[in-house]
Amino acid sequence: MKVILHLTARPDTADKLKAILLQVAKQSRSEKDCISYQVLQNAADPCSFTLLEEWTSEPALDHHMTLPHVQRALAEGVPLLAKDLDARRFLTIG
């Protein structure tokens, strides 16, 4: 199961959101079902972030979403966004 999240911070909150994303990535990478977890920042727009995640299964991802570090990141990060979080789940088909 792969996840792509697009997040856009307000200009005054980009550094704070970046710190939150890096912290949740560090903690998520230690989960047994996490295959990879990358945080990308748009070179042309420092307010634009993309997370690329890969999990062993959809139930593993569902479990990840319930963990305290994820819930804390959502609670702290969502108020910093300039627009709604865009999170999508993908299956590899080829």
N, C-alpha and C. Protein backbone atom coordinates (compact mmCIF):
# COMPACT_ATOMS: atom_id res chain seq x y z
N MET A 1 0.85 -1.16 0.00
CA MET A 1 0.00 0.00 0.00
C MET A 1 0.90 1.23 0.00
N LYS A 2 0.64 2.10 -0.96
CA LYS A 2 1.41 3.34 -1.05
C LYS A 2 0.49 4.52 -0.80
N VAL A 3 1.04 5.55 -0.16
CA VAL A 3 0.29 6.75 0.17
C VAL A 3 1.06 7.95 -0.34
N ILE A 4 0.33 8.88 -0.93
CA ILE A 4 0.90 10.16 -1.32
C ILE A 4 0.05 11.24 -0.67
N LEU A 5 0.70 12.08 0.13
CA LEU A 5 0.02 13.20 0.78
C LEU A 5 0.63 14.49 0.27
N HIS A 6 -0.23 15.43 -0.08
CA HIS A 6 0.21 16.77 -0.45
C HIS A 6 -0.28 17.73 0.63
N LEU A 7 0.63 18.53 1.13
CA LEU A 7 0.31 19.50 2.17
C LEU A 7 0.86 20.86 1.77
N THR A 8 0.07 21.89 1.98
CA THR A 8 0.52 23.25 1.70
C THR A 8 0.37 24.08 2.96
N ALA A 9 1.50 24.52 3.47
CA ALA A 9 1.51 25.35 4.68
C ALA A 9 1.27 26.81 4.31
N ARG A 10 0.80 27.56 5.27
CA ARG A 10 0.78 29.01 5.12
C ARG A 10 2.24 29.48 5.19
N PRO A 11 2.57 30.59 4.54
CA PRO A 11 3.97 31.06 4.57
C PRO A 11 4.53 31.23 5.99
N ASP A 12 3.71 31.64 6.93
CA ASP A 12 4.19 31.86 8.29
C ASP A 12 4.29 30.57 9.10
N THR A 13 3.83 29.44 8.54
CA THR A 13 3.86 28.18 9.30
C THR A 13 4.68 27.08 8.63
N ALA A 14 5.32 27.39 7.51
CA ALA A 14 6.05 26.35 6.76
C ALA A 14 7.14 25.68 7.59
N ASP A 15 7.92 26.45 8.33
CA ASP A 15 9.00 25.85 9.13
C ASP A 15 8.44 24.97 10.25
N LYS A 16 7.36 25.39 10.86
CA LYS A 16 6.76 24.58 11.92
C LYS A 16 6.19 23.28 11.35
N LEU A 17 5.51 23.36 10.20
CA LEU A 17 4.97 22.15 9.58
C LEU A 17 6.11 21.22 9.18
N LYS A 18 7.18 21.76 8.63
CA LYS A 18 8.33 20.94 8.23
C LYS A 18 8.86 20.15 9.43
N ALA A 19 9.00 20.80 10.57
CA ALA A 19 9.49 20.11 11.78
C ALA A 19 8.55 18.99 12.20
N ILE A 20 7.26 19.22 12.12
CA ILE A 20 6.28 18.19 12.47
C ILE A 20 6.38 17.01 11.52
N LEU A 21 6.48 17.29 10.23
CA LEU A 21 6.57 16.22 9.23
C LEU A 21 7.84 15.39 9.40
N LEU A 22 8.95 16.04 9.68
CA LEU A 22 10.20 15.31 9.88
C LEU A 22 10.14 14.43 11.13
N GLN A 23 9.48 14.92 12.17
CA GLN A 23 9.35 14.14 13.40
C GLN A 23 8.45 12.92 13.20
N VAL A 24 7.30 13.11 12.56
CA VAL A 24 6.41 11.97 12.34
C VAL A 24 7.05 10.96 11.39
N ALA A 25 7.83 11.43 10.43
CA ALA A 25 8.53 10.51 9.53
C ALA A 25 9.53 9.66 10.30
N LYS A 26 10.29 10.30 11.16
CA LYS A 26 11.29 9.57 11.96
C LYS A 26 10.63 8.47 12.80
N GLN A 27 9.53 8.81 13.44
CA GLN A 27 8.84 7.83 14.28
C GLN A 27 8.18 6.75 13.43
N SER A 28 7.62 7.12 12.30
CA SER A 28 6.92 6.16 11.45
C SER A 28 7.89 5.15 10.83
N ARG A 29 9.09 5.59 10.50
CA ARG A 29 10.07 4.69 9.90
C ARG A 29 10.44 3.54 10.84
N SER A 30 10.25 3.71 12.13
CA SER A 30 10.59 2.65 13.08
C SER A 30 9.46 1.63 13.25
N GLU A 31 8.31 1.89 12.65
CA GLU A 31 7.21 0.93 12.72
C GLU A 31 7.54 -0.30 11.88
N LYS A 32 7.19 -1.48 12.38
CA LYS A 32 7.59 -2.72 11.70
C LYS A 32 6.98 -2.87 10.31
N ASP A 33 5.83 -2.26 10.05
CA ASP A 33 5.16 -2.40 8.76
C ASP A 33 5.46 -1.27 7.79
N CYS A 34 6.34 -0.36 8.17
CA CYS A 34 6.72 0.75 7.28
C CYS A 34 7.85 0.29 6.37
N ILE A 35 7.61 0.33 5.08
CA ILE A 35 8.64 -0.02 4.10
C ILE A 35 9.49 1.21 3.79
N SER A 36 8.83 2.35 3.58
CA SER A 36 9.56 3.59 3.36
C SER A 36 8.66 4.77 3.69
N TYR A 37 9.30 5.89 4.03
CA TYR A 37 8.58 7.11 4.42
C TYR A 37 9.47 8.29 4.07
N GLN A 38 9.09 9.04 3.05
CA GLN A 38 9.90 10.16 2.59
C GLN A 38 9.12 11.47 2.74
N VAL A 39 9.83 12.51 3.13
CA VAL A 39 9.27 13.86 3.21
C VAL A 39 9.97 14.69 2.14
N LEU A 40 9.18 15.26 1.24
CA LEU A 40 9.72 16.09 0.16
C LEU A 40 9.22 17.52 0.32
N GLN A 41 10.10 18.48 0.02
CA GLN A 41 9.72 19.88 0.04
C GLN A 41 9.96 20.43 -1.36
N ASN A 42 8.96 21.08 -1.93
CA ASN A 42 9.02 21.61 -3.28
C ASN A 42 10.13 22.67 -3.36
N ALA A 43 11.07 22.48 -4.28
CA ALA A 43 12.19 23.42 -4.42
C ALA A 43 11.72 24.80 -4.88
N ALA A 44 10.62 24.86 -5.61
CA ALA A 44 10.10 26.13 -6.11
C ALA A 44 9.11 26.79 -5.17
N ASP A 45 8.59 26.02 -4.20
CA ASP A 45 7.60 26.55 -3.26
C ASP A 45 7.83 25.91 -1.90
N PRO A 46 8.55 26.56 -1.00
CA PRO A 46 8.89 25.97 0.29
C PRO A 46 7.68 25.73 1.21
N CYS A 47 6.51 26.17 0.81
CA CYS A 47 5.29 25.90 1.59
C CYS A 47 4.63 24.59 1.17
N SER A 48 5.12 23.99 0.09
CA SER A 48 4.52 22.78 -0.48
C SER A 48 5.34 21.54 -0.11
N PHE A 49 4.67 20.58 0.53
CA PHE A 49 5.31 19.33 0.96
C PHE A 49 4.56 18.14 0.38
N THR A 50 5.29 17.07 0.13
CA THR A 50 4.70 15.81 -0.30
C THR A 50 5.31 14.70 0.54
N LEU A 51 4.46 13.83 1.05
CA LEU A 51 4.91 12.65 1.77
C LEU A 51 4.68 11.45 0.89
N LEU A 52 5.69 10.60 0.76
CA LEU A 52 5.59 9.34 0.03
C LEU A 52 5.80 8.23 1.03
N GLU A 53 4.77 7.42 1.22
CA GLU A 53 4.84 6.34 2.21
C GLU A 53 4.56 5.01 1.53
N GLU A 54 5.19 3.96 2.05
CA GLU A 54 4.87 2.61 1.60
C GLU A 54 4.75 1.72 2.83
N TRP A 55 3.64 0.97 2.88
CA TRP A 55 3.30 0.11 4.01
C TRP A 55 3.09 -1.31 3.51
N THR A 56 3.27 -2.27 4.40
CA THR A 56 3.15 -3.68 4.01
C THR A 56 1.74 -4.05 3.59
N SER A 57 0.73 -3.36 4.10
CA SER A 57 -0.66 -3.70 3.78
C SER A 57 -1.58 -2.54 4.16
N GLU A 58 -2.81 -2.60 3.71
CA GLU A 58 -3.78 -1.57 4.09
C GLU A 58 -4.11 -1.64 5.58
N PRO A 59 -4.27 -2.85 6.17
CA PRO A 59 -4.48 -2.89 7.63
C PRO A 59 -3.30 -2.29 8.41
N ALA A 60 -2.09 -2.46 7.92
CA ALA A 60 -0.92 -1.86 8.58
C ALA A 60 -1.01 -0.34 8.53
N LEU A 61 -1.41 0.20 7.39
CA LEU A 61 -1.59 1.64 7.26
C LEU A 61 -2.71 2.13 8.18
N ASP A 62 -3.80 1.39 8.22
CA ASP A 62 -4.91 1.76 9.10
C ASP A 62 -4.45 1.81 10.55
N HIS A 63 -3.65 0.83 10.95
CA HIS A 63 -3.12 0.80 12.32
C HIS A 63 -2.20 2.01 12.56
N HIS A 64 -1.34 2.29 11.60
CA HIS A 64 -0.43 3.44 11.69
C HIS A 64 -1.21 4.72 11.98
N MET A 65 -2.33 4.88 11.32
CA MET A 65 -3.12 6.11 11.47
C MET A 65 -3.68 6.28 12.89
N THR A 66 -3.74 5.21 13.66
CA THR A 66 -4.28 5.28 15.03
C THR A 66 -3.21 5.56 16.08
N LEU A 67 -1.95 5.52 15.70
CA LEU A 67 -0.88 5.64 16.68
C LEU A 67 -0.74 7.07 17.20
N PRO A 68 -0.30 7.21 18.45
CA PRO A 68 -0.23 8.54 19.06
C PRO A 68 0.61 9.56 18.29
N HIS A 69 1.75 9.13 17.73
CA HIS A 69 2.59 10.11 17.01
C HIS A 69 1.90 10.62 15.75
N VAL A 70 1.09 9.80 15.12
CA VAL A 70 0.36 10.23 13.92
C VAL A 70 -0.79 11.16 14.32
N GLN A 71 -1.52 10.78 15.35
CA GLN A 71 -2.63 11.62 15.82
C GLN A 71 -2.13 12.98 16.28
N ARG A 72 -0.98 13.00 16.94
CA ARG A 72 -0.39 14.26 17.41
C ARG A 72 0.03 15.12 16.21
N ALA A 73 0.65 14.50 15.21
CA ALA A 73 1.08 15.24 14.01
C ALA A 73 -0.12 15.84 13.28
N LEU A 74 -1.19 15.09 13.20
CA LEU A 74 -2.40 15.61 12.56
C LEU A 74 -2.98 16.78 13.36
N ALA A 75 -3.06 16.60 14.67
CA ALA A 75 -3.63 17.65 15.52
C ALA A 75 -2.81 18.93 15.46
N GLU A 76 -1.49 18.80 15.40
CA GLU A 76 -0.62 19.98 15.37
C GLU A 76 -0.44 20.53 13.96
N GLY A 77 -0.44 19.65 12.95
CA GLY A 77 -0.12 20.06 11.59
C GLY A 77 -1.28 20.61 10.79
N VAL A 78 -2.48 20.01 10.91
CA VAL A 78 -3.61 20.45 10.10
C VAL A 78 -3.93 21.93 10.29
N PRO A 79 -3.87 22.47 11.50
CA PRO A 79 -4.15 23.91 11.65
C PRO A 79 -3.13 24.82 10.95
N LEU A 80 -1.99 24.29 10.56
CA LEU A 80 -0.96 25.08 9.90
C LEU A 80 -1.13 25.15 8.38
N LEU A 81 -2.10 24.39 7.86
CA LEU A 81 -2.25 24.27 6.41
C LEU A 81 -3.02 25.45 5.81
N ALA A 82 -2.61 25.79 4.58
CA ALA A 82 -3.29 26.85 3.83
C ALA A 82 -4.50 26.29 3.08
N LYS A 83 -4.48 24.98 2.82
CA LYS A 83 -5.62 24.32 2.17
C LYS A 83 -5.73 22.91 2.70
N ASP A 84 -6.82 22.25 2.36
CA ASP A 84 -7.08 20.91 2.88
C ASP A 84 -5.98 19.93 2.51
N LEU A 85 -5.70 19.03 3.42
CA LEU A 85 -4.76 17.94 3.21
C LEU A 85 -5.27 17.06 2.07
N ASP A 86 -4.41 16.68 1.16
CA ASP A 86 -4.76 15.79 0.05
C ASP A 86 -4.02 14.48 0.27
N ALA A 87 -4.74 13.46 0.75
CA ALA A 87 -4.15 12.15 1.04
C ALA A 87 -4.80 11.11 0.16
N ARG A 88 -3.97 10.33 -0.54
CA ARG A 88 -4.50 9.30 -1.44
C ARG A 88 -3.73 8.00 -1.24
N ARG A 89 -4.48 6.89 -1.30
CA ARG A 89 -3.90 5.56 -1.17
C ARG A 89 -3.84 4.91 -2.56
N PHE A 90 -2.74 4.21 -2.81
CA PHE A 90 -2.54 3.57 -4.11
C PHE A 90 -2.12 2.11 -3.96
N LEU A 91 -2.55 1.30 -4.90
CA LEU A 91 -2.10 -0.08 -5.02
C LEU A 91 -1.19 -0.17 -6.24
N THR A 92 -0.13 -0.93 -6.14
CA THR A 92 0.73 -1.17 -7.30
C THR A 92 0.03 -2.18 -8.19
N ILE A 93 -0.14 -1.82 -9.45
CA ILE A 93 -0.87 -2.72 -10.36
C ILE A 93 0.01 -3.23 -11.50
N GLY A 94 1.22 -2.79 -11.56
CA GLY A 94 2.08 -3.26 -12.63
C GLY A 94 3.50 -2.87 -12.42
